[in-house]
Protein backbone atom coordinates (compact mmCIF):
# COMPACT_ATOMS: atom_id res chain seq x y z
CA MET A 1 47.27 115.37 -120.59
CA CYS A 2 45.43 112.93 -118.35
CA VAL A 3 44.93 115.70 -115.80
CA LYS A 4 43.35 117.90 -118.45
CA ILE A 5 41.03 115.10 -119.51
CA MET A 6 39.98 114.47 -115.92
CA ARG A 7 39.33 118.17 -115.39
CA TYR A 8 37.29 118.27 -118.59
CA LYS A 9 35.22 115.27 -117.48
CA LYS A 10 34.63 116.87 -114.09
CA PHE A 11 33.55 120.05 -115.84
CA ILE A 12 31.06 118.15 -118.01
CA ILE A 13 29.70 116.28 -115.01
CA ILE A 14 29.28 119.54 -113.09
CA LEU A 15 27.44 121.08 -116.05
CA LEU A 16 25.11 118.08 -116.22
CA ILE A 17 24.45 118.27 -112.49
CA ILE A 18 23.72 121.99 -112.74
CA GLN A 19 21.41 121.39 -115.69
CA PHE A 20 19.59 118.62 -113.79
CA VAL A 21 19.23 120.84 -110.75
CA LEU A 22 17.89 123.69 -112.86
CA ILE A 23 15.40 121.43 -114.60
CA SER A 24 14.32 119.92 -111.31
CA PHE A 25 13.95 123.36 -109.82
CA SER A 26 12.00 124.64 -112.80
CA PHE A 27 9.52 121.79 -112.43
CA ALA A 28 9.48 121.79 -108.65
CA ALA A 29 6.65 124.31 -108.79
CA ASP A 30 3.34 123.24 -110.30
CA PRO A 31 3.90 123.58 -114.05
CA PHE A 32 0.16 123.76 -114.66
CA ALA A 33 -0.14 126.69 -112.33
CA GLU A 34 2.65 128.42 -114.20
CA ALA A 35 1.02 127.67 -117.54
CA LYS A 36 -2.31 128.98 -116.25
CA LYS A 37 -0.64 132.21 -115.18
CA LEU A 38 0.76 132.58 -118.67
CA SER A 39 -2.64 131.88 -120.20
CA ASP A 40 -4.40 134.32 -117.87
CA LYS A 41 -1.93 136.99 -118.93
CA GLY A 42 -2.75 136.30 -122.56
CA ARG A 43 0.64 134.74 -123.22
CA TYR A 44 -0.97 131.83 -125.03
CA ALA A 45 2.04 130.85 -127.14
CA ASP A 46 4.24 130.62 -124.03
CA ALA A 47 1.61 128.58 -122.20
CA ILE A 48 1.30 126.12 -125.08
CA LYS A 49 5.08 125.84 -125.25
CA LEU A 50 5.21 124.97 -121.55
CA TYR A 51 2.50 122.33 -121.92
CA MET A 52 4.35 120.80 -124.87
CA ASP A 53 7.55 120.80 -122.82
CA ILE A 54 5.79 118.93 -120.00
CA LYS A 55 4.46 116.38 -122.50
CA GLN A 56 7.92 115.76 -123.89
CA ARG A 57 9.60 115.41 -120.49
CA TYR A 58 6.95 113.12 -119.01
CA PRO A 59 5.56 111.16 -121.97
CA GLY A 60 3.95 108.35 -119.94
CA SER A 61 2.57 110.42 -117.11
CA ASP A 62 -0.98 111.48 -116.24
CA TRP A 63 0.08 115.00 -117.06
CA VAL A 64 -0.01 114.34 -120.80
CA PRO A 65 -3.80 114.22 -121.33
CA GLN A 66 -4.16 117.20 -119.01
CA CYS A 67 -1.67 119.12 -121.11
CA ILE A 68 -3.54 118.29 -124.29
CA MET A 69 -6.83 119.46 -122.78
CA GLN A 70 -5.29 122.70 -121.60
CA MET A 71 -3.75 123.32 -125.01
CA ALA A 72 -7.14 122.73 -126.62
CA ARG A 73 -8.76 125.26 -124.30
CA ILE A 74 -6.12 127.83 -125.13
CA TYR A 75 -6.70 127.28 -128.85
CA GLU A 76 -10.38 127.95 -128.16
CA LYS A 77 -9.50 131.24 -126.49
CA MET A 78 -7.39 132.10 -129.52
CA LYS A 79 -10.39 131.22 -131.74
CA LYS A 80 -8.29 128.59 -133.47
CA TYR A 81 -11.22 126.23 -133.41
CA ASP A 82 -9.89 123.61 -135.81
CA ASP A 83 -6.69 123.33 -133.77
CA ALA A 84 -8.75 123.03 -130.60
CA VAL A 85 -10.93 120.30 -132.10
CA ALA A 86 -7.81 118.45 -133.27
CA GLU A 87 -6.42 118.43 -129.71
CA TYR A 88 -9.75 117.27 -128.24
CA LYS A 89 -9.84 114.46 -130.80
CA ASN A 90 -6.31 113.60 -129.75
CA VAL A 91 -7.54 113.04 -126.18
CA ILE A 92 -10.48 110.95 -127.41
CA GLU A 93 -8.30 108.71 -129.56
CA LYS A 94 -5.45 108.21 -127.09
CA TYR A 95 -7.25 108.28 -123.73
CA PRO A 96 -10.82 107.00 -124.29
CA ALA A 97 -11.09 105.66 -120.73
CA LEU A 98 -10.45 109.02 -119.08
CA ASN A 99 -13.07 111.56 -118.05
CA GLN A 100 -11.32 114.09 -120.26
CA ALA A 101 -12.34 112.05 -123.31
CA GLU A 102 -16.02 112.25 -122.36
CA GLU A 103 -15.69 115.98 -121.86
CA ALA A 104 -13.93 116.34 -125.20
CA TYR A 105 -16.93 115.04 -127.18
CA PHE A 106 -19.14 117.72 -125.64
CA VAL A 107 -16.63 120.51 -126.16
CA ILE A 108 -16.25 119.55 -129.83
CA ALA A 109 -20.04 119.62 -130.18
CA ARG A 110 -20.22 123.00 -128.47
CA ILE A 111 -17.53 124.47 -130.73
CA ARG A 112 -19.20 123.19 -133.89
CA THR A 113 -22.59 124.44 -132.71
CA SER A 114 -21.12 127.91 -132.12
CA GLN A 115 -19.89 127.78 -135.73
CA ASN A 116 -23.38 126.77 -136.92
CA LEU A 117 -21.90 123.45 -138.04
CA PHE A 118 -24.78 121.43 -136.65
CA GLN A 119 -24.11 118.14 -138.40
CA PRO A 120 -20.54 117.79 -137.03
CA ALA A 121 -21.89 118.78 -133.62
CA ILE A 122 -24.54 116.06 -133.80
CA ARG A 123 -21.89 113.60 -134.94
CA ALA A 124 -19.89 114.32 -131.78
CA TYR A 125 -22.93 113.62 -129.61
CA GLU A 126 -23.72 110.45 -131.54
CA LEU A 127 -20.16 109.19 -131.11
CA TYR A 128 -20.41 109.85 -127.40
CA ILE A 129 -23.64 107.82 -127.23
CA LYS A 130 -22.01 105.01 -129.20
CA ASN A 131 -18.90 104.88 -127.04
CA TYR A 132 -20.54 105.61 -123.69
CA PRO A 133 -24.06 104.10 -123.88
CA LYS A 134 -24.26 104.14 -120.08
CA GLY A 135 -22.14 107.24 -119.56
CA ASP A 136 -22.82 109.96 -117.07
CA TYR A 137 -23.78 112.37 -119.84
CA THR A 138 -25.58 110.07 -122.28
CA VAL A 139 -29.00 111.58 -121.59
CA MET A 140 -27.53 115.04 -122.24
CA ALA A 141 -26.04 113.83 -125.52
CA TYR A 142 -29.43 112.48 -126.61
CA PHE A 143 -31.14 115.73 -125.64
CA ASN A 144 -28.61 118.04 -127.31
CA ALA A 145 -28.57 116.00 -130.52
CA ALA A 146 -32.38 115.92 -130.58
CA SER A 147 -32.57 119.67 -130.00
CA LEU A 148 -30.18 120.34 -132.88
CA TYR A 149 -32.17 118.05 -135.17
CA LYS A 150 -35.33 119.92 -134.11
CA ASP A 151 -33.74 123.29 -134.91
CA MET A 152 -32.67 121.93 -138.30
CA GLY A 153 -36.24 120.85 -139.05
CA LYS A 154 -35.32 117.16 -139.02
CA THR A 155 -38.24 116.22 -136.84
CA ALA A 156 -38.09 112.43 -137.34
CA GLU A 157 -34.52 112.30 -136.05
CA ALA A 158 -35.42 114.66 -133.20
CA LEU A 159 -38.37 112.50 -132.14
CA LYS A 160 -36.15 109.41 -132.25
CA TYR A 161 -33.67 110.82 -129.74
CA PHE A 162 -36.31 112.48 -127.57
CA GLY A 163 -37.99 109.08 -127.56
CA GLU A 164 -34.88 107.46 -126.11
CA ILE A 165 -35.08 109.88 -123.20
CA LEU A 166 -38.79 109.25 -122.69
CA LYS A 167 -38.15 105.50 -122.71
CA ASP A 168 -35.02 105.15 -120.61
CA TYR A 169 -34.66 108.30 -118.48
CA THR A 170 -37.97 108.77 -116.68
CA ASN A 171 -36.05 109.61 -113.49
CA GLN A 172 -34.27 112.54 -115.14
CA THR A 173 -37.07 115.06 -114.58
CA TRP A 174 -35.62 118.02 -116.46
CA PHE A 175 -34.55 116.11 -119.58
CA TYR A 176 -37.66 113.91 -119.53
CA SER A 177 -40.05 116.85 -119.24
CA TRP A 178 -38.43 118.93 -121.95
CA ALA A 179 -38.19 115.90 -124.24
CA ALA A 180 -41.94 115.38 -123.81
CA ILE A 181 -42.78 119.06 -124.37
CA TYR A 182 -40.55 119.37 -127.43
CA SER A 183 -41.96 116.13 -128.84
CA GLY A 184 -45.45 117.49 -128.29
CA ASP A 185 -44.51 120.69 -130.12
CA ILE A 186 -43.23 118.66 -133.06
CA TYR A 187 -46.46 116.66 -133.22
CA ALA A 188 -48.49 119.85 -132.94
CA GLY A 189 -46.51 121.33 -135.84
CA ARG A 190 -47.50 118.26 -137.85
CA ARG A 191 -51.10 118.84 -136.74
CA ASP A 192 -51.13 115.49 -134.99
CA PHE A 193 -52.79 117.03 -131.98
CA ASP A 194 -53.73 113.80 -130.24
CA ALA A 195 -50.08 112.68 -130.20
CA ALA A 196 -49.07 116.18 -129.04
CA ILE A 197 -51.56 116.13 -126.17
CA GLU A 198 -50.44 112.69 -125.06
CA SER A 199 -46.84 113.89 -125.04
CA TYR A 200 -47.72 116.91 -122.89
CA GLN A 201 -49.67 114.59 -120.59
CA ARG A 202 -46.41 112.82 -119.69
CA VAL A 203 -45.29 115.97 -117.90
CA ILE A 204 -48.70 116.76 -116.45
CA ARG A 205 -49.00 113.28 -114.94
CA SER A 206 -45.56 113.47 -113.34
CA ASP A 207 -46.11 116.90 -111.74
CA LYS A 208 -42.50 116.95 -110.47
CA ASN A 209 -41.56 120.41 -111.68
CA LYS A 210 -44.13 123.17 -111.19
CA VAL A 211 -42.89 125.36 -114.04
CA LEU A 212 -42.71 122.53 -116.57
CA TYR A 213 -46.05 121.19 -115.34
CA ALA A 214 -47.61 124.60 -116.01
CA LEU A 215 -45.90 124.86 -119.41
CA ALA A 216 -47.22 121.42 -120.39
CA LEU A 217 -50.74 122.45 -119.33
CA LEU A 218 -50.46 125.58 -121.46
CA HIS A 219 -49.27 123.68 -124.51
CA ARG A 220 -51.96 121.04 -124.05
CA ALA A 221 -54.67 123.70 -123.89
CA GLN A 222 -53.30 125.39 -127.01
CA ALA A 223 -53.25 122.04 -128.84
CA CYS A 224 -56.90 121.49 -127.87
CA MET A 225 -57.76 124.88 -129.34
CA GLU A 226 -55.95 124.00 -132.55
CA LYS A 227 -58.11 120.88 -132.88
CA ASN A 228 -61.20 122.99 -132.11
CA ASP A 229 -61.85 121.23 -128.80
CA PHE A 230 -62.67 124.44 -126.95
CA ILE A 231 -64.48 122.71 -124.10
CA THR A 232 -61.34 120.80 -123.08
CA ALA A 233 -59.18 123.85 -123.75
CA LYS A 234 -61.35 125.90 -121.39
CA ALA A 235 -61.04 123.27 -118.67
CA VAL A 236 -57.25 123.05 -119.02
CA PHE A 237 -56.81 126.84 -119.00
CA ASN A 238 -58.90 126.99 -115.82
CA GLU A 239 -56.74 124.27 -114.28
CA LEU A 240 -53.63 126.24 -115.15
CA LEU A 241 -55.03 129.39 -113.55
CA ARG A 242 -55.88 127.49 -110.37
CA SER A 243 -52.70 125.42 -110.08
CA ASN A 244 -49.98 128.08 -109.75
CA ASN A 245 -48.88 131.55 -110.81
CA PHE A 246 -47.02 130.56 -113.96
CA PHE A 247 -48.22 131.59 -117.46
CA GLN A 248 -51.27 133.42 -116.08
CA GLU A 249 -51.27 135.97 -118.89
CA GLU A 250 -51.25 133.27 -121.57
CA ALA A 251 -53.90 131.28 -119.73
CA LEU A 252 -56.27 134.25 -119.44
CA TYR A 253 -55.98 135.07 -123.12
CA GLY A 254 -56.56 131.44 -124.10
CA LEU A 255 -59.48 131.08 -121.70
CA GLY A 256 -61.16 134.22 -123.05
CA LYS A 257 -60.73 133.00 -126.59
CA SER A 258 -62.16 129.57 -125.67
CA HIS A 259 -65.25 131.21 -124.11
CA TYR A 260 -65.67 133.30 -127.23
CA LYS A 261 -65.42 130.29 -129.56
CA LEU A 262 -68.07 128.53 -127.47
CA GLY A 263 -70.39 131.52 -127.75
CA GLU A 264 -70.00 132.39 -124.07
CA TYR A 265 -69.54 136.08 -124.79
CA GLU A 266 -70.19 137.50 -121.34
CA LEU A 267 -67.67 135.11 -119.77
CA ALA A 268 -65.20 135.93 -122.52
CA ARG A 269 -65.66 139.65 -121.83
CA GLU A 270 -65.02 139.12 -118.12
CA VAL A 271 -61.84 137.20 -118.79
CA TYR A 272 -60.48 139.69 -121.33
CA THR A 273 -61.28 142.55 -118.95
CA SER A 274 -59.34 140.76 -116.21
CA LEU A 275 -56.45 140.20 -118.63
CA LEU A 276 -56.18 143.91 -119.43
CA GLN A 277 -56.45 144.88 -115.77
CA MET A 278 -53.84 142.40 -114.55
CA PHE A 279 -51.50 142.73 -117.54
CA PRO A 280 -51.96 146.21 -119.05
CA ASP A 281 -48.87 145.77 -121.25
CA THR A 282 -49.86 142.34 -122.54
CA VAL A 283 -48.76 141.49 -126.07
CA TRP A 284 -52.39 140.57 -126.75
CA ARG A 285 -53.76 143.96 -125.74
CA LYS A 286 -54.90 144.93 -129.25
CA ASN A 287 -56.50 141.54 -129.79
CA ALA A 288 -58.24 141.70 -126.42
CA GLU A 289 -59.55 145.22 -127.01
CA LYS A 290 -60.78 144.24 -130.44
CA GLY A 291 -62.39 141.14 -128.95
CA LEU A 292 -64.15 143.20 -126.27
CA LYS A 293 -65.74 145.45 -128.89
CA LEU A 294 -66.83 142.44 -130.90
CA MET A 295 -68.23 140.71 -127.82
CA ASP A 296 -70.19 143.80 -126.82
CA LYS A 297 -71.88 143.67 -130.21
CA ARG A 298 -72.60 139.95 -129.85
CA ILE A 299 -73.97 140.39 -126.33
CA SER A 300 -76.14 143.32 -127.44
CA LYS A 301 -77.43 141.25 -130.34
CA GLN A 302 -78.24 138.32 -128.07
CA ARG A 303 -80.22 140.59 -125.73
CA THR A 304 -82.28 142.11 -128.53
CA GLU A 305 -83.09 138.83 -130.26
CA PRO A 306 -86.46 137.27 -129.25
CA ASP A 307 -86.34 134.19 -127.04
CA ASP A 308 -87.86 131.31 -129.01
CA ASP A 309 -88.79 129.51 -125.79
CA LEU A 310 -91.16 132.25 -124.66
């Protein structure tokens, strides 16, 4: 009897050793690489199962947050967006000090934006700003939230967040310049042209990015036209044409229109003629051709009218 018991114990021990060896062998290879292979093959359920298995076997390890992130990404691929968001929130709540948590806020915002759920997307950016006021991506969170507010027509909220960028991130050329241009566009939409022009001037004064510099010049000139300041508009359009090769078509059309509004019909005709020669497929072709006919009449009228000074 004792011999049988001993044999049974040995058998159990051997089974446990075999099981341990098999488990060790199964995890000797990179489990994430294996899960990625499964995911790449479209075997999403098997990949998620493997990640869950890793989480259970190594509950206190650094693998756990990585597993959660990978599971969230797979749910995204499966278009199970609520499940994906739930996993990203899991990372945020349990591992706020990790880089994955910062990334999770942005992914949640991206998912909600793709669903046209702008308010939850903005909320994700605002939570990031609250929790990481000096984070690596804070300026991006401000910009994205402001842009969504702008698209929603909530201009006061948009200007508030663009204003944070203009105040605290002057060294971030791309974000700073676009924040200034978008703010200017908002002011122009409100017909507060002086505020719009001053906002565009922020970019013009910096002159760090040639494309954005040219775009700010264009928008400033257009704002001057809207406020009927055609003399300044003409000067800014000329500056744009001289400064670089960006937005030449728009600048020529605006310059011709400025000349026309100032009664400088021959100059306007020259500019519109140049526009049609340089850009034969311009979207303003019909307007330019109509303007040329009108200017010919005005020029002819000027030439036939008596000169009061004689």
